[in-house]
Structures are given as C-alpha cells and as structure tokens.
C-alpha cells in the first residue's frame, strides 16, 4: 500500500512544483480593447481631478488676496 502511494505523492508534488506560473488565458481582442479603454479612462480621470484641484487652489488664493 505505501509502495503505491509514494510515487503518486511524488508525482503530485512534482506537478505542483513545475506547474506553469501563469495559468490565465491569453486575452482576446475585445478584452485587450476593454483593458486599454479602462486604463486610458482612469488616466484621464486622474489628470482631470489634478487639474480641478489645481484650479480650485488658484481660485481660493485669488479670493484671499
């Protein structure tokens, strides 16, 4: 009994050790487009928020002068 389990256990451990690190499926064109669109939208949002914060600071300084 132990004799049969040992090679199987060794095989399981070896398979775990040599399993590919990235098992995620490659993205299709639609997924790539969506990913790019989301990244661009987030970048533009951050830029807009930075501009709004900057203009808010400038307008507050003008009010205090």
PDB file of N, CA and C in Angstrom:
ATOM      1  N   UNK A   1       0.821  -1.192   0.000  1.00  0.00           N
ATOM      2  CA  UNK A   1       0.000   0.000   0.000  1.00  0.00           C
ATOM      3  C   UNK A   1       0.869   1.263   0.000  1.00  0.00           C
ATOM      4  N   UNK A   2       1.816   1.356   0.909  1.00  0.00           N
ATOM      5  CA  UNK A   2       2.683   2.523   0.962  1.00  0.00           C
ATOM      6  C   UNK A   2       3.526   2.630  -0.297  1.00  0.00           C
ATOM      7  N   UNK A   3       3.874   1.485  -0.833  1.00  0.00           N
ATOM      8  CA  UNK A   3       4.710   1.479  -2.022  1.00  0.00           C
ATOM      9  C   UNK A   3       3.995   2.161  -3.198  1.00  0.00           C
ATOM     10  N   UNK A   4       2.694   1.958  -3.335  1.00  0.00           N
ATOM     11  CA  UNK A   4       1.931   2.565  -4.428  1.00  0.00           C
ATOM     12  C   UNK A   4       1.704   4.057  -4.200  1.00  0.00           C
ATOM     13  N   UNK A   5       1.553   4.453  -2.970  1.00  0.00           N
ATOM     14  CA  UNK A   5       1.241   5.845  -2.682  1.00  0.00           C
ATOM     15  C   UNK A   5       2.457   6.758  -2.852  1.00  0.00           C
ATOM     16  N   UNK A   6       3.599   6.289  -2.583  1.00  0.00           N
ATOM     17  CA  UNK A   6       4.795   7.104  -2.630  1.00  0.00           C
ATOM     18  C   UNK A   6       5.086   7.676  -4.019  1.00  0.00           C
ATOM     19  N   UNK A   7       5.076   6.899  -5.086  1.00  0.00           N
ATOM     20  CA  UNK A   7       5.308   7.501  -6.401  1.00  0.00           C
ATOM     21  C   UNK A   7       4.189   8.474  -6.786  1.00  0.00           C
ATOM     22  N   UNK A   8       2.965   8.161  -6.420  1.00  0.00           N
ATOM     23  CA  UNK A   8       1.869   9.064  -6.736  1.00  0.00           C
ATOM     24  C   UNK A   8       2.039  10.389  -5.998  1.00  0.00           C
ATOM     25  N   UNK A   9       2.444  10.283  -4.755  1.00  0.00           N
ATOM     26  CA  UNK A   9       2.664  11.505  -3.966  1.00  0.00           C
ATOM     27  C   UNK A   9       3.801  12.320  -4.561  1.00  0.00           C
ATOM     28  N   UNK A  10       4.848  11.627  -4.960  1.00  0.00           N
ATOM     29  CA  UNK A  10       5.983  12.317  -5.560  1.00  0.00           C
ATOM     30  C   UNK A  10       5.567  12.992  -6.877  1.00  0.00           C
ATOM     31  N   UNK A  11       4.737  12.290  -7.653  1.00  0.00           N
ATOM     32  CA  UNK A  11       4.255  12.881  -8.904  1.00  0.00           C
ATOM     33  C   UNK A  11       3.424  14.126  -8.635  1.00  0.00           C
ATOM     34  N   UNK A  12       2.537  14.058  -7.643  1.00  0.00           N
ATOM     35  CA  UNK A  12       1.703  15.215  -7.306  1.00  0.00           C
ATOM     36  C   UNK A  12       2.563  16.399  -6.881  1.00  0.00           C
ATOM     37  N   UNK A  13       3.531  16.144  -6.041  1.00  0.00           N
ATOM     38  CA  UNK A  13       4.411  17.221  -5.579  1.00  0.00           C
ATOM     39  C   UNK A  13       5.231  17.807  -6.732  1.00  0.00           C
ATOM     40  N   UNK A  14       5.698  16.944  -7.625  1.00  0.00           N
ATOM     41  CA  UNK A  14       6.456  17.418  -8.781  1.00  0.00           C
ATOM     42  C   UNK A  14       5.572  18.249  -9.690  1.00  0.00           C
ATOM     43  N   UNK A  15       4.341  17.810  -9.894  1.00  0.00           N
ATOM     44  CA  UNK A  15       3.417  18.573 -10.735  1.00  0.00           C
ATOM     45  C   UNK A  15       3.120  19.935 -10.128  1.00  0.00           C
ATOM     46  N   UNK A  16       2.997  20.001  -8.811  1.00  0.00           N
ATOM     47  CA  UNK A  16       2.769  21.282  -8.155  1.00  0.00           C
ATOM     48  C   UNK A  16       3.969  22.203  -8.350  1.00  0.00           C
ATOM     49  N   UNK A  17       5.153  21.644  -8.220  1.00  0.00           N
ATOM     50  CA  UNK A  17       6.375  22.439  -8.321  1.00  0.00           C
ATOM     51  C   UNK A  17       6.602  22.950  -9.737  1.00  0.00           C
ATOM     52  N   UNK A  18       6.250  22.146 -10.732  1.00  0.00           N
ATOM     53  CA  UNK A  18       6.542  22.518 -12.115  1.00  0.00           C
ATOM     54  C   UNK A  18       5.310  23.002 -12.873  1.00  0.00           C
ATOM     55  N   UNK A  19       4.252  23.318 -12.134  1.00  0.00           N
ATOM     56  CA  UNK A  19       3.051  23.842 -12.767  1.00  0.00           C
ATOM     57  C   UNK A  19       3.358  25.226 -13.327  1.00  0.00           C
ATOM     58  N   UNK A  20       2.816  25.537 -14.496  1.00  0.00           N
ATOM     59  CA  UNK A  20       3.071  26.876 -15.056  1.00  0.00           C
ATOM     60  C   UNK A  20       2.591  27.962 -14.101  1.00  0.00           C
ATOM     61  N   UNK A  21       3.369  29.021 -13.999  1.00  0.00           N
ATOM     62  CA  UNK A  21       3.050  30.092 -13.060  1.00  0.00           C
ATOM     63  C   UNK A  21       1.816  30.866 -13.497  1.00  0.00           C
ATOM     64  N   UNK A  22       1.678  31.127 -14.789  1.00  0.00           N
ATOM     65  CA  UNK A  22       0.562  31.920 -15.282  1.00  0.00           C
ATOM     66  C   UNK A  22      -0.410  31.008 -16.012  1.00  0.00           C
ATOM     67  N   UNK A  23      -1.510  30.670 -15.375  1.00  0.00           N
ATOM     68  CA  UNK A  23      -2.491  29.786 -15.981  1.00  0.00           C
ATOM     69  C   UNK A  23      -3.642  30.578 -16.590  1.00  0.00           C
ATOM     70  N   UNK A  24      -3.503  31.888 -16.632  1.00  0.00           N
ATOM     71  CA  UNK A  24      -4.546  32.743 -17.176  1.00  0.00           C
ATOM     72  C   UNK A  24      -4.557  32.635 -18.696  1.00  0.00           C
ATOM     73  N   UNK A  25      -5.756  32.592 -19.259  1.00  0.00           N
ATOM     74  CA  UNK A  25      -5.888  32.500 -20.705  1.00  0.00           C
ATOM     75  C   UNK A  25      -5.434  33.815 -21.340  1.00  0.00           C
ATOM     76  N   UNK A  26      -4.852  33.731 -22.523  1.00  0.00           N
ATOM     77  CA  UNK A  26      -4.465  34.974 -23.198  1.00  0.00           C
ATOM     78  C   UNK A  26      -5.709  35.784 -23.547  1.00  0.00           C
ATOM     79  N   UNK A  27      -5.562  37.101 -23.515  1.00  0.00           N
ATOM     80  CA  UNK A  27      -6.702  37.969 -23.776  1.00  0.00           C
ATOM     81  C   UNK A  27      -7.028  37.981 -25.268  1.00  0.00           C
ATOM     82  N   UNK A  28      -8.316  37.990 -25.567  1.00  0.00           N
ATOM     83  CA  UNK A  28      -8.725  38.160 -26.955  1.00  0.00           C
ATOM     84  C   UNK A  28      -8.760  39.653 -27.277  1.00  0.00           C
ATOM     85  N   UNK A  29      -9.070  39.981 -28.516  1.00  0.00           N
ATOM     86  CA  UNK A  29      -9.042  41.382 -28.946  1.00  0.00           C
ATOM     87  C   UNK A  29     -10.006  42.247 -28.145  1.00  0.00           C
ATOM     88  N   UNK A  30     -11.194  41.735 -27.884  1.00  0.00           N
ATOM     89  CA  UNK A  30     -12.182  42.504 -27.139  1.00  0.00           C
ATOM     90  C   UNK A  30     -11.670  42.815 -25.733  1.00  0.00           C
ATOM     91  N   UNK A  31     -11.114  41.811 -25.062  1.00  0.00           N
ATOM     92  CA  UNK A  31     -10.612  42.013 -23.704  1.00  0.00           C
ATOM     93  C   UNK A  31      -9.446  42.995 -23.702  1.00  0.00           C
ATOM     94  N   UNK A  32      -8.584  42.917 -24.703  1.00  0.00           N
ATOM     95  CA  UNK A  32      -7.470  43.860 -24.799  1.00  0.00           C
ATOM     96  C   UNK A  32      -7.985  45.283 -24.973  1.00  0.00           C
ATOM     97  N   UNK A  33      -8.983  45.436 -25.849  1.00  0.00           N
ATOM     98  CA  UNK A  33      -9.558  46.764 -26.074  1.00  0.00           C
ATOM     99  C   UNK A  33     -10.189  47.312 -24.801  1.00  0.00           C
ATOM    100  N   UNK A  34     -10.927  46.470 -24.077  1.00  0.00           N
ATOM    101  CA  UNK A  34     -11.566  46.902 -22.846  1.00  0.00           C
ATOM    102  C   UNK A  34     -10.534  47.298 -21.799  1.00  0.00           C
ATOM    103  N   UNK A  35      -9.472  46.504 -21.705  1.00  0.00           N
ATOM    104  CA  UNK A  35      -8.406  46.790 -20.745  1.00  0.00           C
ATOM    105  C   UNK A  35      -7.749  48.139 -21.073  1.00  0.00           C
ATOM    106  N   UNK A  36      -7.453  48.355 -22.340  1.00  0.00           N
ATOM    107  CA  UNK A  36      -6.844  49.628 -22.761  1.00  0.00           C
ATOM    108  C   UNK A  36      -7.778  50.792 -22.495  1.00  0.00           C
ATOM    109  N   UNK A  37      -9.052  50.599 -22.798  1.00  0.00           N
ATOM    110  CA  UNK A  37     -10.032  51.654 -22.581  1.00  0.00           C
ATOM    111  C   UNK A  37     -10.122  52.022 -21.099  1.00  0.00           C
ATOM    112  N   UNK A  38     -10.161  51.017 -20.233  1.00  0.00           N
ATOM    113  CA  UNK A  38     -10.245  51.276 -18.787  1.00  0.00           C
ATOM    114  C   UNK A  38      -8.996  51.984 -18.273  1.00  0.00           C
ATOM    115  N   UNK A  39      -7.840  51.563 -18.736  1.00  0.00           N
ATOM    116  CA  UNK A  39      -6.601  52.221 -18.305  1.00  0.00           C
ATOM    117  C   UNK A  39      -6.575  53.681 -18.748  1.00  0.00           C
ATOM    118  N   UNK A  40      -6.985  53.936 -19.982  1.00  0.00           N
ATOM    119  CA  UNK A  40      -6.990  55.297 -20.509  1.00  0.00           C
ATOM    120  C   UNK A  40      -7.995  56.154 -19.741  1.00  0.00           C
ATOM    121  N   UNK A  41      -9.168  55.602 -19.451  1.00  0.00           N
ATOM    122  CA  UNK A  41     -10.191  56.337 -18.721  1.00  0.00           C
ATOM    123  C   UNK A  41      -9.696  56.707 -17.331  1.00  0.00           C
ATOM    124  N   UNK A  42      -9.044  55.775 -16.649  1.00  0.00           N
ATOM    125  CA  UNK A  42      -8.507  56.051 -15.312  1.00  0.00           C
ATOM    126  C   UNK A  42      -7.420  57.119 -15.363  1.00  0.00           C
ATOM    127  N   UNK A  43      -6.581  57.069 -16.391  1.00  0.00           N
ATOM    128  CA  UNK A  43      -5.516  58.070 -16.528  1.00  0.00           C
ATOM    129  C   UNK A  43      -6.117  59.456 -16.754  1.00  0.00           C
ATOM    130  N   UNK A  44      -7.095  59.530 -17.642  1.00  0.00           N
ATOM    131  CA  UNK A  44      -7.731  60.818 -17.923  1.00  0.00           C
ATOM    132  C   UNK A  44      -8.473  61.357 -16.708  1.00  0.00           C
ATOM    133  N   UNK A  45      -9.086  60.467 -15.956  1.00  0.00           N
ATOM    134  CA  UNK A  45      -9.803  60.886 -14.741  1.00  0.00           C
ATOM    135  C   UNK A  45      -8.821  61.484 -13.733  1.00  0.00           C
ATOM    136  N   UNK A  46      -7.676  60.825 -13.560  1.00  0.00           N
ATOM    137  CA  UNK A  46      -6.673  61.330 -12.621  1.00  0.00           C
ATOM    138  C   UNK A  46      -6.157  62.696 -13.066  1.00  0.00           C
ATOM    139  N   UNK A  47      -5.940  62.850 -14.367  1.00  0.00           N
ATOM    140  CA  UNK A  47      -5.471  64.144 -14.872  1.00  0.00           C
ATOM    141  C   UNK A  47      -6.528  65.231 -14.656  1.00  0.00           C
ATOM    142  N   UNK A  48      -7.783  64.904 -14.904  1.00  0.00           N
ATOM    143  CA  UNK A  48      -8.860  65.879 -14.716  1.00  0.00           C
ATOM    144  C   UNK A  48      -8.972  66.286 -13.259  1.00  0.00           C
ATOM    145  N   UNK A  49      -8.916  65.312 -12.353  1.00  0.00           N
ATOM    146  CA  UNK A  49      -9.004  65.628 -10.930  1.00  0.00           C
ATOM    147  C   UNK A  49      -7.835  66.507 -10.484  1.00  0.00           C
ATOM    148  N   UNK A  50      -6.653  66.247 -11.031  1.00  0.00           N
ATOM    149  CA  UNK A  50      -5.488  67.062 -10.685  1.00  0.00           C
ATOM    150  C   UNK A  50      -5.667  68.492 -11.189  1.00  0.00           C
ATOM    151  N   UNK A  51      -6.188  68.639 -12.430  1.00  0.00           N
ATOM    152  CA  UNK A  51      -6.438  69.981 -12.960  1.00  0.00           C
ATOM    153  C   UNK A  51      -7.477  70.717 -12.133  1.00  0.00           C
ATOM    154  N   UNK A  52      -8.553  70.009 -11.754  1.00  0.00           N
ATOM    155  CA  UNK A  52      -9.604  70.642 -10.957  1.00  0.00           C
ATOM    156  C   UNK A  52      -9.076  71.077  -9.590  1.00  0.00           C
ATOM    157  N   UNK A  53      -8.263  70.231  -8.980  1.00  0.00           N
ATOM    158  CA  UNK A  53      -7.697  70.576  -7.667  1.00  0.00           C
ATOM    159  C   UNK A  53      -6.764  71.782  -7.794  1.00  0.00           C
ATOM    160  N   UNK A  54      -5.998  71.815  -8.869  1.00  0.00           N
ATOM    161  CA  UNK A  54      -5.079  72.935  -9.079  1.00  0.00           C
ATOM    162  C   UNK A  54      -5.847  74.230  -9.304  1.00  0.00           C
ATOM    163  N   UNK A  55      -6.884  74.189 -10.129  1.00  0.00           N
ATOM    164  CA  UNK A  55      -7.657  75.399 -10.395  1.00  0.00           C
ATOM    165  C   UNK A  55      -8.422  75.840  -9.152  1.00  0.00           C
ATOM    166  N   UNK A  56      -8.817  74.903  -8.328  1.00  0.00           N
ATOM    167  CA  UNK A  56      -9.505  75.230  -7.075  1.00  0.00           C
ATOM    168  C   UNK A  56      -8.551  75.966  -6.129  1.00  0.00           C
ATOM    169  N   UNK A  57      -7.312  75.472  -6.063  1.00  0.00           N
ATOM    170  CA  UNK A  57      -6.310  76.129  -5.217  1.00  0.00           C
ATOM    171  C   UNK A  57      -6.036  77.545  -5.703  1.00  0.00           C
ATOM    172  N   UNK A  58      -5.947  77.724  -7.002  1.00  0.00           N
ATOM    173  CA  UNK A  58      -5.664  79.038  -7.570  1.00  0.00           C
ATOM    174  C   UNK A  58      -6.830  79.983  -7.289  1.00  0.00           C
ATOM    175  N   UNK A  59      -8.052  79.518  -7.446  1.00  0.00           N
ATOM    176  CA  UNK A  59      -9.211  80.383  -7.215  1.00  0.00           C
ATOM    177  C   UNK A  59      -9.342  80.749  -5.732  1.00  0.00           C
ATOM    178  N   UNK A  60      -8.975  79.846  -4.838  1.00  0.00           N
ATOM    179  CA  UNK A  60      -9.014  80.163  -3.399  1.00  0.00           C
ATOM    180  C   UNK A  60      -7.967  81.210  -3.055  1.00  0.00           C
ATOM    181  N   UNK A  61      -6.813  81.140  -3.683  1.00  0.00           N
ATOM    182  CA  UNK A  61      -5.771  82.136  -3.426  1.00  0.00           C
ATOM    183  C   UNK A  61      -6.217  83.518  -3.919  1.00  0.00           C
ATOM    184  N   UNK A  62      -6.910  83.540  -5.055  1.00  0.00           N
ATOM    185  CA  UNK A  62      -7.388  84.812  -5.595  1.00  0.00           C
ATOM    186  C   UNK A  62      -8.427  85.426  -4.673  1.00  0.00           C
ATOM    187  N   UNK A  63      -9.250  84.644  -4.039  1.00  0.00           N
ATOM    188  CA  UNK A  63     -10.275  85.160  -3.136  1.00  0.00           C
ATOM    189  C   UNK A  63      -9.674  85.771  -1.876  1.00  0.00           C
ATOM    190  N   UNK A  64      -8.577  85.195  -1.408  1.00  0.00           N
ATOM    191  CA  UNK A  64      -7.949  85.668  -0.167  1.00  0.00           C
ATOM    192  C   UNK A  64      -7.089  86.911  -0.377  1.00  0.00           C
ATOM    193  N   UNK A  65      -6.774  87.226  -1.603  1.00  0.00           N
ATOM    194  CA  UNK A  65      -5.908  88.393  -1.849  1.00  0.00           C
ATOM    195  C   UNK A  65      -6.645  89.669  -1.933  1.00  0.00           C
TER     196      UNK A  65
END
